[in-house]
Amino acid sequence: MSVPSEIEKDAHKLYVTWQDGHKSEYLFRYLRENCPCAMCRDEFTGERILDVATIASDLVSQRESVVGHYALAFSFSDGHGAGIYAFEYLREICLCPICDLNSSKNRTSHA
């Protein structure tokens, strides 16, 4: 299981250092676009139903909180705060070049 060893933020980004030493950066807008809640994703198909064009480019997180020992929750500046981002999900949506390369390989091998 992916577990953070350190979580930090600045005005527009969340920074996670994972226990294996990997470092991830997430723009808050990117996290909002990928919100896993039922208002943003179809509960059965998992497809995004949120219109990302409606998300402000300057969106920020007003508050972050740890949920149990497995996730983070955010209160975004657009008033949305229903999503719970499991640590495993956060690691899965990491956009760093290493994770992107691994994702590409996994998509190719499963195609």
N, C-alpha and C. Protein backbone atom coordinates (compact mmCIF):
# COMPACT_ATOMS: atom_id res chain seq x y z
N MET A 1 0.84 -1.19 0.00
CA MET A 1 0.00 0.00 0.00
C MET A 1 0.88 1.24 0.00
N SER A 2 0.47 2.24 -0.74
CA SER A 2 1.19 3.51 -0.80
C SER A 2 0.86 4.33 0.43
N VAL A 3 1.91 4.74 1.14
CA VAL A 3 1.72 5.52 2.36
C VAL A 3 2.68 6.71 2.32
N PRO A 4 2.16 7.91 2.55
CA PRO A 4 3.03 9.08 2.57
C PRO A 4 3.87 9.14 3.84
N SER A 5 5.09 9.63 3.69
CA SER A 5 5.91 9.89 4.87
C SER A 5 5.89 11.38 5.19
N GLU A 6 5.54 12.20 4.18
CA GLU A 6 5.47 13.64 4.38
C GLU A 6 4.48 14.24 3.41
N ILE A 7 3.67 15.18 3.89
CA ILE A 7 2.70 15.89 3.06
C ILE A 7 2.87 17.37 3.32
N GLU A 8 3.07 18.14 2.25
CA GLU A 8 3.23 19.59 2.35
C GLU A 8 2.39 20.24 1.27
N LYS A 9 2.22 21.54 1.37
CA LYS A 9 1.50 22.27 0.32
C LYS A 9 2.01 23.69 0.22
N ASP A 10 1.74 24.29 -0.93
CA ASP A 10 1.92 25.73 -1.07
C ASP A 10 0.58 26.25 -1.59
N ALA A 11 0.56 27.43 -2.16
CA ALA A 11 -0.71 28.03 -2.57
C ALA A 11 -1.47 27.22 -3.61
N HIS A 12 -0.75 26.53 -4.51
CA HIS A 12 -1.42 25.86 -5.62
C HIS A 12 -1.13 24.37 -5.75
N LYS A 13 -0.22 23.84 -4.93
CA LYS A 13 0.18 22.44 -5.09
C LYS A 13 0.23 21.69 -3.78
N LEU A 14 0.02 20.39 -3.89
CA LEU A 14 0.22 19.45 -2.80
C LEU A 14 1.46 18.64 -3.14
N TYR A 15 2.34 18.46 -2.16
CA TYR A 15 3.57 17.70 -2.34
C TYR A 15 3.52 16.49 -1.40
N VAL A 16 3.71 15.31 -1.96
CA VAL A 16 3.70 14.10 -1.16
C VAL A 16 5.00 13.36 -1.36
N THR A 17 5.67 13.05 -0.27
CA THR A 17 6.82 12.16 -0.29
C THR A 17 6.33 10.84 0.26
N TRP A 18 6.49 9.79 -0.53
CA TRP A 18 6.01 8.47 -0.15
C TRP A 18 7.07 7.72 0.64
N GLN A 19 6.66 6.72 1.38
CA GLN A 19 7.59 5.97 2.22
C GLN A 19 8.71 5.31 1.42
N ASP A 20 8.47 5.03 0.13
CA ASP A 20 9.52 4.44 -0.69
C ASP A 20 10.46 5.50 -1.27
N GLY A 21 10.26 6.78 -0.88
CA GLY A 21 11.13 7.86 -1.34
C GLY A 21 10.62 8.60 -2.56
N HIS A 22 9.63 8.07 -3.23
CA HIS A 22 9.07 8.72 -4.41
C HIS A 22 8.42 10.05 -4.00
N LYS A 23 8.51 11.05 -4.88
CA LYS A 23 7.91 12.37 -4.61
C LYS A 23 6.90 12.69 -5.70
N SER A 24 5.72 13.10 -5.27
CA SER A 24 4.64 13.47 -6.18
C SER A 24 4.23 14.91 -5.92
N GLU A 25 3.86 15.60 -7.01
CA GLU A 25 3.32 16.96 -6.92
C GLU A 25 1.98 16.98 -7.62
N TYR A 26 0.99 17.61 -7.00
CA TYR A 26 -0.34 17.69 -7.58
C TYR A 26 -0.84 19.12 -7.52
N LEU A 27 -1.19 19.70 -8.65
CA LEU A 27 -1.89 20.97 -8.64
C LEU A 27 -3.25 20.71 -8.03
N PHE A 28 -3.75 21.64 -7.23
CA PHE A 28 -5.06 21.45 -6.62
C PHE A 28 -6.15 21.36 -7.69
N ARG A 29 -5.98 22.08 -8.77
CA ARG A 29 -6.96 21.99 -9.87
C ARG A 29 -6.98 20.57 -10.44
N TYR A 30 -5.82 19.96 -10.59
CA TYR A 30 -5.73 18.58 -11.09
C TYR A 30 -6.44 17.62 -10.12
N LEU A 31 -6.24 17.82 -8.83
CA LEU A 31 -6.93 16.98 -7.85
C LEU A 31 -8.44 17.16 -7.95
N ARG A 32 -8.88 18.40 -8.12
CA ARG A 32 -10.32 18.66 -8.25
C ARG A 32 -10.87 18.00 -9.51
N GLU A 33 -10.12 18.08 -10.62
CA GLU A 33 -10.54 17.45 -11.88
C GLU A 33 -10.69 15.94 -11.72
N ASN A 34 -9.90 15.36 -10.83
CA ASN A 34 -9.88 13.91 -10.64
C ASN A 34 -10.56 13.48 -9.35
N CYS A 35 -11.47 14.30 -8.88
CA CYS A 35 -12.20 13.97 -7.66
C CYS A 35 -12.94 12.65 -7.84
N PRO A 36 -12.78 11.74 -6.87
CA PRO A 36 -13.41 10.43 -7.00
C PRO A 36 -14.83 10.33 -6.44
N CYS A 37 -15.42 11.43 -6.01
CA CYS A 37 -16.74 11.34 -5.37
C CYS A 37 -17.84 11.06 -6.39
N ALA A 38 -19.00 10.68 -5.88
CA ALA A 38 -20.14 10.30 -6.73
C ALA A 38 -20.74 11.49 -7.49
N MET A 39 -20.45 12.72 -7.06
CA MET A 39 -20.94 13.88 -7.81
C MET A 39 -20.05 14.17 -9.03
N CYS A 40 -18.83 13.65 -8.99
CA CYS A 40 -17.86 13.92 -10.06
C CYS A 40 -17.58 12.72 -10.96
N ARG A 41 -17.89 11.53 -10.46
CA ARG A 41 -17.67 10.28 -11.20
C ARG A 41 -18.93 9.43 -11.15
N ASP A 42 -19.26 8.81 -12.26
CA ASP A 42 -20.37 7.88 -12.28
C ASP A 42 -20.06 6.72 -11.33
N GLU A 43 -20.98 6.43 -10.43
CA GLU A 43 -20.73 5.42 -9.40
C GLU A 43 -20.55 4.02 -9.97
N PHE A 44 -21.12 3.76 -11.13
CA PHE A 44 -21.05 2.41 -11.70
C PHE A 44 -19.92 2.25 -12.71
N THR A 45 -19.72 3.25 -13.56
CA THR A 45 -18.70 3.13 -14.60
C THR A 45 -17.37 3.77 -14.20
N GLY A 46 -17.40 4.70 -13.24
CA GLY A 46 -16.19 5.42 -12.86
C GLY A 46 -15.85 6.55 -13.81
N GLU A 47 -16.66 6.73 -14.86
CA GLU A 47 -16.39 7.80 -15.82
C GLU A 47 -16.64 9.16 -15.19
N ARG A 48 -15.83 10.13 -15.60
CA ARG A 48 -15.98 11.49 -15.09
C ARG A 48 -17.28 12.09 -15.60
N ILE A 49 -18.06 12.66 -14.69
CA ILE A 49 -19.27 13.38 -15.08
C ILE A 49 -19.13 14.88 -14.79
N LEU A 50 -18.07 15.23 -14.12
CA LEU A 50 -17.76 16.63 -13.85
C LEU A 50 -17.31 17.32 -15.13
N ASP A 51 -17.84 18.47 -15.43
CA ASP A 51 -17.37 19.27 -16.56
C ASP A 51 -16.16 20.07 -16.09
N VAL A 52 -14.97 19.62 -16.47
CA VAL A 52 -13.74 20.26 -15.98
C VAL A 52 -13.61 21.71 -16.44
N ALA A 53 -14.33 22.08 -17.49
CA ALA A 53 -14.29 23.47 -17.96
C ALA A 53 -14.90 24.41 -16.93
N THR A 54 -15.67 23.88 -15.99
CA THR A 54 -16.30 24.72 -14.97
C THR A 54 -15.39 24.97 -13.76
N ILE A 55 -14.22 24.34 -13.74
CA ILE A 55 -13.30 24.51 -12.62
C ILE A 55 -12.41 25.73 -12.87
N ALA A 56 -12.38 26.64 -11.94
CA ALA A 56 -11.57 27.86 -12.08
C ALA A 56 -10.09 27.50 -12.17
N SER A 57 -9.37 28.22 -13.00
CA SER A 57 -7.94 27.94 -13.18
C SER A 57 -7.14 28.27 -11.92
N ASP A 58 -7.67 29.14 -11.08
CA ASP A 58 -6.95 29.54 -9.86
C ASP A 58 -7.48 28.82 -8.62
N LEU A 59 -8.16 27.69 -8.81
CA LEU A 59 -8.71 26.93 -7.69
C LEU A 59 -7.61 26.51 -6.72
N VAL A 60 -7.91 26.58 -5.45
CA VAL A 60 -6.96 26.17 -4.40
C VAL A 60 -7.69 25.29 -3.38
N SER A 61 -6.91 24.69 -2.53
CA SER A 61 -7.48 23.95 -1.41
C SER A 61 -7.46 24.88 -0.21
N GLN A 62 -8.61 25.03 0.41
CA GLN A 62 -8.70 25.87 1.59
C GLN A 62 -8.37 25.10 2.86
N ARG A 63 -8.52 23.76 2.76
CA ARG A 63 -8.22 22.93 3.91
C ARG A 63 -8.01 21.50 3.45
N GLU A 64 -7.06 20.82 4.08
CA GLU A 64 -6.80 19.42 3.83
C GLU A 64 -6.93 18.70 5.16
N SER A 65 -7.42 17.48 5.12
CA SER A 65 -7.49 16.70 6.35
C SER A 65 -7.22 15.23 6.04
N VAL A 66 -6.60 14.58 6.99
CA VAL A 66 -6.31 13.16 6.87
C VAL A 66 -7.57 12.39 7.26
N VAL A 67 -7.90 11.39 6.47
CA VAL A 67 -9.05 10.53 6.75
C VAL A 67 -8.49 9.18 7.19
N GLY A 68 -8.69 8.86 8.45
CA GLY A 68 -8.13 7.61 8.99
C GLY A 68 -6.64 7.53 8.73
N HIS A 69 -6.19 6.36 8.34
CA HIS A 69 -4.78 6.16 7.99
C HIS A 69 -4.65 5.82 6.52
N TYR A 70 -5.65 6.25 5.71
CA TYR A 70 -5.66 5.78 4.33
C TYR A 70 -5.95 6.84 3.27
N ALA A 71 -6.28 8.08 3.64
CA ALA A 71 -6.72 9.02 2.62
C ALA A 71 -6.59 10.47 3.07
N LEU A 72 -6.78 11.37 2.10
CA LEU A 72 -6.87 12.81 2.34
C LEU A 72 -8.21 13.31 1.81
N ALA A 73 -8.71 14.36 2.43
CA ALA A 73 -9.90 15.05 1.95
C ALA A 73 -9.55 16.52 1.82
N PHE A 74 -10.17 17.18 0.85
CA PHE A 74 -9.87 18.59 0.58
C PHE A 74 -11.16 19.40 0.60
N SER A 75 -11.06 20.63 1.04
CA SER A 75 -12.13 21.61 0.87
C SER A 75 -11.59 22.62 -0.13
N PHE A 76 -12.14 22.56 -1.35
CA PHE A 76 -11.65 23.41 -2.43
C PHE A 76 -12.34 24.77 -2.42
N SER A 77 -11.69 25.74 -3.04
CA SER A 77 -12.20 27.11 -3.06
C SER A 77 -13.50 27.25 -3.86
N ASP A 78 -13.89 26.24 -4.63
CA ASP A 78 -15.17 26.30 -5.34
C ASP A 78 -16.31 25.74 -4.49
N GLY A 79 -16.00 25.40 -3.23
CA GLY A 79 -17.02 24.90 -2.33
C GLY A 79 -17.15 23.38 -2.30
N HIS A 80 -16.45 22.69 -3.19
CA HIS A 80 -16.54 21.23 -3.25
C HIS A 80 -15.64 20.61 -2.19
N GLY A 81 -16.14 19.58 -1.53
CA GLY A 81 -15.34 18.92 -0.51
C GLY A 81 -15.79 17.50 -0.24
N ALA A 82 -16.43 16.86 -1.23
CA ALA A 82 -17.00 15.53 -1.00
C ALA A 82 -16.03 14.39 -1.28
N GLY A 83 -14.95 14.65 -2.00
CA GLY A 83 -14.06 13.57 -2.39
C GLY A 83 -13.11 13.12 -1.29
N ILE A 84 -12.92 11.82 -1.22
CA ILE A 84 -11.91 11.24 -0.34
C ILE A 84 -10.88 10.59 -1.23
N TYR A 85 -9.65 11.06 -1.15
CA TYR A 85 -8.57 10.62 -2.01
C TYR A 85 -7.71 9.61 -1.27
N ALA A 86 -7.97 8.32 -1.51
CA ALA A 86 -7.17 7.27 -0.88
C ALA A 86 -5.72 7.45 -1.30
N PHE A 87 -4.80 7.16 -0.38
CA PHE A 87 -3.38 7.29 -0.71
C PHE A 87 -3.03 6.49 -1.96
N GLU A 88 -3.59 5.30 -2.08
CA GLU A 88 -3.33 4.46 -3.25
C GLU A 88 -3.77 5.16 -4.53
N TYR A 89 -4.93 5.84 -4.48
CA TYR A 89 -5.43 6.57 -5.64
C TYR A 89 -4.51 7.75 -5.96
N LEU A 90 -4.07 8.48 -4.94
CA LEU A 90 -3.15 9.60 -5.17
C LEU A 90 -1.88 9.12 -5.87
N ARG A 91 -1.35 8.00 -5.42
CA ARG A 91 -0.13 7.47 -6.05
C ARG A 91 -0.42 7.07 -7.48
N GLU A 92 -1.60 6.52 -7.72
CA GLU A 92 -1.99 6.08 -9.06
C GLU A 92 -2.10 7.24 -10.04
N ILE A 93 -2.52 8.42 -9.57
CA ILE A 93 -2.71 9.56 -10.48
C ILE A 93 -1.51 10.50 -10.51
N CYS A 94 -0.40 10.08 -9.94
CA CYS A 94 0.84 10.87 -9.99
C CYS A 94 1.22 11.10 -11.45
N LEU A 95 1.58 12.34 -11.77
CA LEU A 95 1.92 12.70 -13.15
C LEU A 95 3.42 12.85 -13.40
N CYS A 96 4.25 12.45 -12.46
CA CYS A 96 5.69 12.61 -12.67
C CYS A 96 6.13 11.76 -13.86
N PRO A 97 7.26 12.06 -14.48
CA PRO A 97 7.71 11.30 -15.65
C PRO A 97 7.87 9.80 -15.37
N ILE A 98 8.31 9.44 -14.19
CA ILE A 98 8.49 8.01 -13.86
C ILE A 98 7.14 7.31 -13.84
N CYS A 99 6.17 7.87 -13.14
CA CYS A 99 4.84 7.26 -13.06
C CYS A 99 4.14 7.28 -14.40
N ASP A 100 4.31 8.36 -15.16
CA ASP A 100 3.70 8.46 -16.47
C ASP A 100 4.25 7.36 -17.39
N LEU A 101 5.54 7.14 -17.34
CA LEU A 101 6.16 6.08 -18.14
C LEU A 101 5.62 4.72 -17.73
N ASN A 102 5.53 4.46 -16.42
CA ASN A 102 4.98 3.18 -15.93
C ASN A 102 3.53 3.01 -16.34
N SER A 103 2.74 4.11 -16.29
CA SER A 103 1.34 4.05 -16.71
C SER A 103 1.24 3.70 -18.18
N SER A 104 2.08 4.31 -19.00
CA SER A 104 2.08 4.04 -20.44
C SER A 104 2.41 2.58 -20.71
N LYS A 105 3.39 2.06 -19.99
CA LYS A 105 3.76 0.65 -20.17
C LYS A 105 2.61 -0.26 -19.76
N ASN A 106 1.94 0.06 -18.64
CA ASN A 106 0.83 -0.76 -18.18
C ASN A 106 -0.35 -0.71 -19.16
N ARG A 107 -0.63 0.48 -19.72
CA ARG A 107 -1.72 0.58 -20.68
C ARG A 107 -1.39 -0.22 -21.92
N THR A 108 -0.12 -0.18 -22.36
CA THR A 108 0.29 -0.91 -23.55
C THR A 108 0.23 -2.40 -23.32
N SER A 109 0.66 -2.85 -22.15
CA SER A 109 0.69 -4.30 -21.90
C SER A 109 -0.70 -4.87 -21.67
N HIS A 110 -1.68 -4.01 -21.34
CA HIS A 110 -3.03 -4.51 -21.11
C HIS A 110 -3.93 -4.30 -22.33
N ALA A 111 -3.41 -3.68 -23.35
CA ALA A 111 -4.25 -3.36 -24.52
C ALA A 111 -4.52 -4.59 -25.37
